[in-house]
Amino acid sequence: MTSQNEPRLSPLHDAHVAAGASFTDFAGWQMPVRYAGDLAEHHAVRTAAGIFDLSHMGEIVVLGPEAGEALDYALAGRLSALAVDRAKYSLLLSRSGGVIDDLVVYRTGEDRYLVVANAANREVVAEELRDRTAPFDVEVFDESDDVALIAVQGPAALSILLATPGFSADDGALDGEDFAQRLTDLRYYRALPAEFQTRPLLIARTGYTGEDGFELYLAPDDARGLWDALLEAGADQGLVPAGLAARDTLRLEAGMPLYGHELGRDTQPAQAGLGRVVDLGKDTDFVGRAAAEEGPDPEARVLVGLMGHGKRAARAGYPVLAVLGGDKGGDDAEVGVVTSGVLSPTIGVPVAMAYVAPRYARPGTELHVDVRGSRLPFTVTELPFYRRKPGAPSSTPAPSSTSETRKDG
């Protein structure tokens, strides 16, 4: 434990120091932002695999005979219909319909759900869940301090886990060959209770990079052993440690929203292209339902992708301008704002996400972005910018986080 003014350290902090990581303050944590370099780590995830420390994320357990019904009321999705060992992306809405946080929810037992929240929103989410589920026969536990989280992401993720000795089913009933088949057959947004060196963990086929991959939840004291074993097993398959900088560029290429940029209390899900996440078909009330049914103002800005030319990236906060006077001059109107942007390591051109007025949201629309006083052309483009090769499990949005350094965890 640390004092209120001291940064929190991941249980893997010593491993990051030994690997030469640079660190950033992230929601009160000292987390690795990069190791060898952003580009090398980004390309490793796209072509082989990267291993991420996500131990700063929040893990909140909702337990009790009415846990499903309680979460149906607390969240925008229908969690009671979720099968055991499956996961669902959902939203915690305010009563006015804005997004308090985006979440991944795992049903880990008949009466038990694991809610994974963004690091900066952990306490808010726990408090909201306690308040909203109070009328139900449930208990809410913030178990974040008792959980470490390691992600292996990339085309080689499965083969790396299969090559790592020490995994077995949580009951020890399966031999290595049977366990390997179970892991291979695990579909996206599914989870597998397991053990590593006889210690319990949860293996989920989820991620936030646009690639195939796994997220592994386990006790903090067990994290270093697993981290080292994965790196050793993956060394000849191109596995490298990757920091939050690469995670941010990966999720942006994959068109995944980042809380505090694309999502926030002033944004309704429909504006962010997440209207499908709000289940208006469930026959129970939920917090934010009335606002969601009414929907945002017809003129409210909507999220789009932007693709540019050259090498100058549009960054968060840069104005988006309508092309009123043509490319050679004239008066411009500010019609939107960039929420995230980068020179795409994979595509090689600037890409960004931005909120723009609906009339300018059609793919193919030509706009400009004011990049430090220069008026640069961008084209509205369907998201995502990058899709992995056919045959890999399909991807869906996962929770993000907000950070002053614009690097996600």
Protein backbone atom coordinates (compact mmCIF):
# COMPACT_ATOMS: atom_id res chain seq x y z
CA MET A 1 0.00 0.00 0.00
CA THR A 2 1.11 3.57 -0.63
CA SER A 3 0.19 6.87 0.89
CA GLN A 4 -2.30 9.11 -0.86
CA ASN A 5 0.45 11.22 -2.44
CA GLU A 6 2.73 8.39 -3.54
CA PRO A 7 2.31 6.73 -6.94
CA ARG A 8 1.08 3.16 -6.90
CA LEU A 9 3.36 0.50 -8.32
CA SER A 10 2.32 -2.53 -10.30
CA PRO A 11 3.30 -5.94 -8.89
CA LEU A 12 5.43 -6.16 -12.05
CA HIS A 13 7.23 -2.85 -11.48
CA ASP A 14 10.63 -4.46 -10.86
CA ALA A 15 10.32 -6.45 -14.09
CA HIS A 16 9.64 -3.24 -16.02
CA VAL A 17 12.63 -1.49 -14.45
CA ALA A 18 14.86 -4.44 -15.34
CA ALA A 19 13.58 -4.28 -18.94
CA GLY A 20 14.49 -0.60 -19.22
CA ALA A 21 10.95 0.77 -19.32
CA SER A 22 10.12 4.46 -19.27
CA PHE A 23 7.25 5.25 -16.94
CA THR A 24 4.32 7.64 -16.88
CA ASP A 25 1.91 8.65 -14.16
CA PHE A 26 -1.41 7.05 -14.98
CA ALA A 27 -4.41 7.51 -12.68
CA GLY A 28 -2.02 7.55 -9.73
CA TRP A 29 0.02 4.57 -10.96
CA GLN A 30 3.55 4.45 -12.33
CA MET A 31 3.05 2.40 -15.49
CA PRO A 32 5.43 1.55 -18.36
CA VAL A 33 4.79 3.79 -21.34
CA ARG A 34 7.46 2.20 -23.54
CA TYR A 35 10.47 -0.13 -23.50
CA ALA A 36 12.53 -0.36 -26.71
CA GLY A 37 10.29 2.15 -28.49
CA ASP A 38 6.69 2.83 -29.50
CA LEU A 39 7.02 1.78 -33.14
CA ALA A 40 8.88 -1.45 -32.46
CA GLU A 41 6.33 -2.49 -29.85
CA HIS A 42 3.39 -1.55 -32.08
CA HIS A 43 4.76 -3.56 -35.02
CA ALA A 44 5.52 -6.52 -32.77
CA VAL A 45 1.85 -6.74 -31.76
CA ARG A 46 0.71 -6.51 -35.38
CA THR A 47 3.17 -9.13 -36.64
CA ALA A 48 3.95 -11.38 -33.65
CA ALA A 49 2.93 -10.48 -30.09
CA GLY A 50 3.32 -8.01 -27.25
CA ILE A 51 2.87 -8.52 -23.52
CA PHE A 52 1.23 -5.73 -21.51
CA ASP A 53 0.90 -5.04 -17.80
CA LEU A 54 -2.66 -3.85 -17.12
CA SER A 55 -2.65 -4.32 -13.37
CA HIS A 56 -3.93 -0.79 -12.79
CA MET A 57 -7.36 -1.65 -14.19
CA GLY A 58 -10.28 -1.99 -11.77
CA GLU A 59 -11.90 -5.33 -10.94
CA ILE A 60 -15.23 -5.18 -9.12
CA VAL A 61 -17.22 -8.28 -8.18
CA VAL A 62 -21.02 -8.32 -7.99
CA LEU A 63 -22.14 -11.40 -6.06
CA GLY A 64 -25.54 -12.71 -5.04
CA PRO A 65 -28.72 -14.45 -6.22
CA GLU A 66 -29.96 -11.26 -7.93
CA ALA A 67 -26.62 -10.25 -9.44
CA GLY A 68 -27.84 -10.52 -13.03
CA GLU A 69 -30.98 -8.50 -12.41
CA ALA A 70 -29.00 -5.92 -10.46
CA LEU A 71 -26.57 -5.40 -13.34
CA ASP A 72 -29.44 -5.23 -15.82
CA TYR A 73 -30.61 -2.17 -13.87
CA ALA A 74 -27.15 -0.71 -13.28
CA LEU A 75 -25.76 -1.07 -16.81
CA ALA A 76 -26.97 -0.50 -20.35
CA GLY A 77 -26.76 -4.15 -21.43
CA ARG A 78 -28.65 -7.34 -20.58
CA LEU A 79 -26.17 -9.04 -18.29
CA SER A 80 -28.61 -11.56 -16.82
CA ALA A 81 -28.68 -13.32 -20.20
CA LEU A 82 -24.90 -13.77 -20.23
CA ALA A 83 -23.81 -17.40 -19.95
CA VAL A 84 -21.22 -18.45 -17.39
CA ASP A 85 -17.64 -17.95 -18.62
CA ARG A 86 -18.70 -15.39 -21.22
CA ALA A 87 -18.02 -11.67 -21.37
CA LYS A 88 -19.90 -8.63 -22.63
CA TYR A 89 -18.92 -5.06 -23.39
CA SER A 90 -21.24 -2.64 -21.62
CA LEU A 91 -21.68 0.95 -20.48
CA LEU A 92 -22.34 2.61 -17.15
CA LEU A 93 -24.63 5.52 -18.05
CA SER A 94 -25.55 8.60 -16.10
CA ARG A 95 -29.23 9.42 -15.66
CA SER A 96 -28.84 12.00 -18.43
CA GLY A 97 -27.54 9.31 -20.79
CA GLY A 98 -23.84 10.18 -20.76
CA VAL A 99 -21.11 7.59 -20.37
CA ILE A 100 -19.63 7.32 -16.87
CA ASP A 101 -17.42 4.43 -17.96
CA ASP A 102 -17.18 1.65 -20.50
CA LEU A 103 -16.68 -1.82 -19.09
CA VAL A 104 -16.18 -5.47 -19.79
CA VAL A 105 -18.34 -7.76 -17.65
CA TYR A 106 -17.55 -11.46 -17.17
CA ARG A 107 -20.03 -13.90 -15.71
CA THR A 108 -17.75 -16.10 -13.63
CA GLY A 109 -20.47 -18.07 -11.84
CA GLU A 110 -24.24 -18.43 -11.66
CA ASP A 111 -24.40 -15.65 -9.05
CA ARG A 112 -21.05 -13.93 -9.68
CA TYR A 113 -19.98 -11.25 -12.16
CA LEU A 114 -16.60 -9.60 -12.63
CA VAL A 115 -16.84 -5.98 -13.81
CA VAL A 116 -13.60 -4.60 -15.30
CA ALA A 117 -13.44 -0.81 -15.11
CA ASN A 118 -10.96 1.75 -16.34
CA ALA A 119 -8.21 2.67 -13.92
CA ALA A 120 -9.21 6.31 -13.54
CA ASN A 121 -12.86 5.39 -12.94
CA ARG A 122 -12.44 2.44 -10.58
CA GLU A 123 -13.75 4.17 -7.45
CA VAL A 124 -16.60 5.90 -9.27
CA VAL A 125 -17.74 2.63 -10.85
CA ALA A 126 -17.60 0.77 -7.53
CA GLU A 127 -19.60 3.52 -5.81
CA GLU A 128 -22.20 3.65 -8.58
CA LEU A 129 -22.61 -0.12 -8.57
CA ARG A 130 -23.07 -0.21 -4.81
CA ASP A 131 -25.68 2.53 -5.01
CA ARG A 132 -27.59 1.10 -7.96
CA THR A 133 -27.63 -2.49 -6.72
CA ALA A 134 -28.63 -1.62 -3.14
CA PRO A 135 -32.30 -2.70 -3.65
CA PHE A 136 -31.17 -6.15 -4.86
CA ASP A 137 -29.92 -9.21 -2.98
CA VAL A 138 -26.27 -8.72 -3.94
CA GLU A 139 -22.94 -7.59 -2.54
CA VAL A 140 -20.37 -5.47 -4.37
CA PHE A 141 -16.64 -5.93 -3.69
CA ASP A 142 -13.83 -3.85 -5.13
CA GLU A 143 -11.14 -6.51 -5.58
CA SER A 144 -8.79 -4.38 -7.69
CA ASP A 145 -5.97 -4.54 -5.16
CA ASP A 146 -6.12 -8.34 -5.19
CA VAL A 147 -5.92 -8.76 -8.97
CA ALA A 148 -3.05 -8.41 -11.44
CA LEU A 149 -3.77 -8.35 -15.17
CA ILE A 150 -1.43 -9.41 -17.97
CA ALA A 151 -2.36 -9.25 -21.66
CA VAL A 152 -0.71 -11.10 -24.54
CA GLN A 153 -1.83 -9.65 -27.85
CA GLY A 154 -0.95 -10.46 -31.45
CA PRO A 155 -1.11 -13.20 -34.09
CA ALA A 156 1.25 -15.41 -32.08
CA ALA A 157 -0.63 -15.01 -28.78
CA LEU A 158 -2.23 -18.44 -28.82
CA SER A 159 0.92 -20.31 -29.76
CA ILE A 160 2.85 -18.48 -27.03
CA LEU A 161 0.36 -19.50 -24.34
CA LEU A 162 0.40 -23.06 -25.65
CA ALA A 163 4.20 -23.08 -25.45
CA THR A 164 4.22 -21.82 -21.85
CA PRO A 165 4.54 -24.70 -19.35
CA GLY A 166 2.54 -24.68 -16.14
CA PHE A 167 -1.03 -24.12 -17.33
CA SER A 168 -3.85 -26.52 -16.46
CA ALA A 169 -7.58 -26.49 -15.80
CA ASP A 170 -8.61 -25.03 -12.47
CA ASP A 171 -9.62 -28.47 -11.18
CA GLY A 172 -6.51 -30.21 -12.50
CA ALA A 173 -8.70 -32.70 -14.34
CA LEU A 174 -7.38 -32.03 -17.82
CA ASP A 175 -4.01 -33.14 -19.05
CA GLY A 176 -1.85 -30.80 -21.11
CA GLU A 177 -3.25 -31.95 -24.43
CA ASP A 178 -6.88 -31.50 -23.35
CA PHE A 179 -6.14 -28.07 -21.87
CA ALA A 180 -4.43 -26.97 -25.06
CA GLN A 181 -7.54 -27.94 -27.02
CA ARG A 182 -9.78 -26.03 -24.61
CA LEU A 183 -7.61 -22.94 -24.97
CA THR A 184 -7.46 -23.27 -28.76
CA ASP A 185 -11.25 -23.59 -28.95
CA LEU A 186 -11.85 -20.58 -26.69
CA ARG A 187 -13.79 -18.02 -28.70
CA TYR A 188 -13.54 -14.25 -28.48
CA TYR A 189 -15.24 -12.77 -25.41
CA ARG A 190 -15.11 -16.12 -23.63
CA ALA A 191 -13.18 -16.99 -20.47
CA LEU A 192 -11.52 -20.15 -19.17
CA PRO A 193 -10.93 -20.73 -15.44
CA ALA A 194 -7.46 -22.21 -15.15
CA GLU A 195 -4.35 -22.62 -13.04
CA PHE A 196 -0.74 -21.61 -13.58
CA GLN A 197 1.71 -23.61 -11.50
CA THR A 198 -1.28 -24.74 -9.37
CA ARG A 199 -2.34 -21.12 -8.70
CA PRO A 200 -5.77 -19.98 -9.95
CA LEU A 201 -6.24 -17.51 -12.78
CA LEU A 202 -8.83 -16.57 -15.37
CA ILE A 203 -7.84 -16.63 -19.05
CA ALA A 204 -10.05 -14.43 -21.23
CA ARG A 205 -9.86 -14.11 -25.00
CA THR A 206 -10.28 -10.37 -24.99
CA GLY A 207 -8.15 -7.33 -25.71
CA TYR A 208 -7.84 -3.73 -26.80
CA THR A 209 -5.43 -3.83 -29.74
CA GLY A 210 -7.46 -5.08 -32.71
CA GLU A 211 -5.51 -8.34 -32.67
CA ASP A 212 -6.22 -11.80 -31.33
CA GLY A 213 -5.08 -12.16 -27.76
CA PHE A 214 -5.67 -13.07 -24.16
CA GLU A 215 -6.03 -11.25 -20.86
CA LEU A 216 -5.01 -13.16 -17.74
CA TYR A 217 -6.35 -12.28 -14.29
CA LEU A 218 -4.44 -13.59 -11.29
CA ALA A 219 -3.15 -12.75 -7.80
CA PRO A 220 -0.48 -10.02 -7.65
CA ASP A 221 2.00 -12.35 -5.96
CA ASP A 222 1.75 -14.76 -8.90
CA ALA A 223 2.17 -12.16 -11.64
CA ARG A 224 5.97 -12.09 -11.90
CA GLY A 225 6.23 -15.84 -12.39
CA LEU A 226 3.68 -15.81 -15.19
CA TRP A 227 5.20 -12.70 -16.82
CA ASP A 228 8.65 -14.28 -16.92
CA ALA A 229 7.34 -17.64 -18.15
CA LEU A 230 5.41 -16.03 -21.00
CA LEU A 231 8.39 -13.94 -22.09
CA GLU A 232 10.65 -16.99 -22.04
CA ALA A 233 8.20 -19.12 -24.01
CA GLY A 234 7.55 -16.35 -26.52
CA ALA A 235 11.13 -15.23 -27.05
CA ASP A 236 11.59 -17.21 -30.27
CA GLN A 237 8.13 -16.16 -31.52
CA GLY A 238 8.79 -12.43 -31.38
CA LEU A 239 7.08 -11.60 -28.08
CA VAL A 240 8.21 -8.28 -26.58
CA PRO A 241 7.06 -6.24 -23.58
CA ALA A 242 4.88 -3.34 -24.79
CA GLY A 243 3.88 -0.15 -23.04
CA LEU A 244 0.86 2.11 -22.94
CA ALA A 245 2.06 4.21 -25.89
CA ALA A 246 1.87 1.25 -28.27
CA ARG A 247 -1.45 0.19 -26.75
CA ASP A 248 -2.87 3.61 -27.58
CA THR A 249 -1.79 3.58 -31.23
CA LEU A 250 -3.00 0.00 -31.63
CA ARG A 251 -6.48 0.74 -30.25
CA LEU A 252 -6.75 3.90 -32.37
CA GLU A 253 -5.99 2.01 -35.58
CA ALA A 254 -8.64 -0.52 -34.52
CA GLY A 255 -11.20 2.28 -34.00
CA MET A 256 -11.67 1.48 -30.30
CA PRO A 257 -12.90 4.37 -28.10
CA LEU A 258 -10.82 5.81 -25.29
CA TYR A 259 -12.60 7.08 -22.21
CA GLY A 260 -11.94 10.77 -21.73
CA HIS A 261 -11.46 11.24 -25.47
CA GLU A 262 -14.18 9.47 -27.46
CA LEU A 263 -16.34 8.72 -24.40
CA GLY A 264 -17.44 10.84 -21.46
CA ARG A 265 -20.35 12.09 -19.40
CA ASP A 266 -21.27 14.63 -22.07
CA THR A 267 -21.44 12.01 -24.81
CA GLN A 268 -24.32 9.64 -25.45
CA PRO A 269 -23.51 6.16 -26.82
CA ALA A 270 -25.35 6.82 -30.09
CA GLN A 271 -23.00 9.72 -30.82
CA ALA A 272 -20.01 7.39 -30.42
CA GLY A 273 -21.46 4.66 -32.64
CA LEU A 274 -22.25 2.53 -29.59
CA GLY A 275 -26.02 2.69 -29.74
CA ARG A 276 -26.12 -1.09 -30.19
CA VAL A 277 -24.55 -1.53 -26.74
CA VAL A 278 -27.61 0.04 -25.10
CA ASP A 279 -30.24 -2.71 -24.92
CA LEU A 280 -33.57 -0.91 -25.19
CA GLY A 281 -35.23 -4.27 -25.80
CA LYS A 282 -34.86 -5.53 -22.25
CA ASP A 283 -38.13 -5.38 -20.34
CA THR A 284 -36.66 -3.78 -17.22
CA ASP A 285 -35.73 -0.24 -16.41
CA PHE A 286 -32.09 0.78 -16.21
CA VAL A 287 -30.26 3.94 -15.26
CA GLY A 288 -30.16 6.25 -18.26
CA ARG A 289 -32.91 4.47 -20.18
CA ALA A 290 -35.19 7.48 -20.63
CA ALA A 291 -32.35 9.58 -22.00
CA ALA A 292 -31.21 6.76 -24.27
CA GLU A 293 -34.73 6.33 -25.66
CA GLU A 294 -34.94 10.05 -26.38
CA GLY A 295 -31.49 10.00 -27.96
CA PRO A 296 -29.10 12.89 -28.54
CA ASP A 297 -30.06 16.13 -30.24
CA PRO A 298 -30.27 15.58 -34.03
CA GLU A 299 -27.53 18.18 -34.48
CA ALA A 300 -25.23 16.68 -31.83
CA ARG A 301 -21.79 15.83 -33.13
CA VAL A 302 -21.03 12.22 -34.02
CA LEU A 303 -17.82 10.21 -34.01
CA VAL A 304 -16.03 9.65 -37.33
CA GLY A 305 -12.71 8.44 -38.57
CA LEU A 306 -10.40 10.81 -40.41
CA MET A 307 -7.54 9.84 -42.71
CA GLY A 308 -4.96 12.33 -43.89
CA HIS A 309 -1.92 12.58 -46.13
CA GLY A 310 1.73 13.23 -45.48
CA LYS A 311 3.26 12.71 -42.04
CA ARG A 312 1.70 15.35 -39.77
CA ALA A 313 -0.78 13.86 -37.31
CA ALA A 314 -3.91 15.50 -35.96
CA ARG A 315 -3.90 15.44 -32.17
CA ALA A 316 -6.65 15.54 -29.57
CA GLY A 317 -8.18 19.00 -29.30
CA TYR A 318 -7.31 20.16 -32.83
CA PRO A 319 -10.23 21.88 -34.61
CA VAL A 320 -11.92 20.19 -37.59
CA LEU A 321 -12.87 22.65 -40.32
CA ALA A 322 -15.42 22.46 -43.11
CA VAL A 323 -14.07 23.17 -46.58
CA LEU A 324 -16.23 26.20 -47.40
CA GLY A 325 -13.86 28.29 -49.47
CA GLY A 326 -12.10 25.54 -51.36
CA ASP A 327 -8.56 24.30 -50.90
CA LYS A 328 -6.99 27.65 -51.81
CA GLY A 329 -8.71 29.87 -49.30
CA GLY A 330 -11.97 31.31 -48.06
CA ASP A 331 -13.73 31.33 -44.74
CA ASP A 332 -13.73 28.11 -42.76
CA ALA A 333 -16.27 26.96 -40.19
CA GLU A 334 -15.24 24.86 -37.21
CA VAL A 335 -17.50 21.81 -37.40
CA GLY A 336 -15.79 19.42 -35.02
CA VAL A 337 -12.82 18.51 -32.88
CA VAL A 338 -10.25 15.73 -32.96
CA THR A 339 -10.43 13.35 -29.99
CA SER A 340 -7.44 11.09 -30.80
CA GLY A 341 -4.88 11.11 -33.58
CA VAL A 342 -1.58 9.57 -34.63
CA LEU A 343 0.62 8.90 -37.62
CA SER A 344 -0.45 5.30 -38.09
CA PRO A 345 2.51 2.91 -37.74
CA THR A 346 0.68 0.21 -39.70
CA ILE A 347 -0.96 2.25 -42.48
CA GLY A 348 1.70 4.92 -42.76
CA VAL A 349 -0.63 7.94 -42.93
CA PRO A 350 -2.23 10.17 -40.29
CA VAL A 351 -5.43 8.76 -38.78
CA ALA A 352 -7.71 10.31 -36.19
CA MET A 353 -11.08 10.07 -34.56
CA ALA A 354 -13.15 13.21 -34.23
CA TYR A 355 -16.61 14.44 -33.36
CA VAL A 356 -18.16 16.41 -36.23
CA ALA A 357 -21.57 17.84 -37.07
CA PRO A 358 -23.78 15.11 -38.61
CA ARG A 359 -23.92 16.79 -42.03
CA TYR A 360 -20.16 16.25 -42.37
CA ALA A 361 -20.08 12.65 -41.14
CA ARG A 362 -20.61 10.84 -44.45
CA PRO A 363 -17.58 8.73 -45.51
CA GLY A 364 -15.70 10.47 -48.29
CA THR A 365 -16.43 13.96 -47.02
CA GLU A 366 -13.42 16.23 -47.35
CA LEU A 367 -12.54 18.22 -44.25
CA HIS A 368 -9.52 20.02 -42.87
CA VAL A 369 -7.79 19.91 -39.50
CA ASP A 370 -5.97 22.87 -38.05
CA VAL A 371 -2.61 21.31 -37.18
CA ARG A 372 -0.77 24.02 -35.28
CA GLY A 373 -1.85 26.73 -37.69
CA SER A 374 -1.61 24.65 -40.86
CA ARG A 375 -4.84 23.72 -42.63
CA LEU A 376 -4.34 20.07 -43.63
CA PRO A 377 -6.78 17.92 -45.64
CA PHE A 378 -8.44 14.85 -44.11
CA THR A 379 -11.14 12.54 -45.46
CA VAL A 380 -13.96 11.07 -43.38
CA THR A 381 -13.32 7.32 -43.28
CA GLU A 382 -15.28 4.38 -41.89
CA LEU A 383 -13.89 2.88 -38.70
CA PRO A 384 -11.84 0.89 -38.00
CA PHE A 385 -8.78 1.96 -39.96
CA TYR A 386 -7.22 -1.47 -39.51
CA ARG A 387 -8.71 -4.96 -39.57
CA ARG A 388 -6.69 -8.07 -38.91
CA LYS A 389 -6.55 -10.91 -41.39
CA PRO A 390 -9.67 -13.06 -41.88
CA GLY A 391 -9.84 -16.20 -39.77
CA ALA A 392 -8.91 -14.63 -36.44
CA PRO A 393 -11.63 -14.18 -33.79
CA SER A 394 -13.64 -11.01 -34.37
CA SER A 395 -12.93 -8.00 -32.19
CA THR A 396 -15.26 -5.76 -30.21
CA PRO A 397 -14.55 -2.65 -28.16
CA ALA A 398 -12.99 -3.09 -24.77
CA PRO A 399 -12.65 -0.67 -21.94
CA SER A 400 -10.23 2.14 -22.30
CA SER A 401 -8.89 4.66 -19.85
CA THR A 402 -8.16 8.33 -19.72
CA SER A 403 -4.74 9.83 -19.12
CA GLU A 404 -3.11 13.21 -19.34
CA THR A 405 -0.44 11.59 -21.50
CA ARG A 406 -3.10 10.15 -23.81
CA LYS A 407 -1.85 6.64 -23.24
CA ASP A 408 -4.31 3.95 -22.38
CA GLY A 409 -4.24 1.05 -19.99
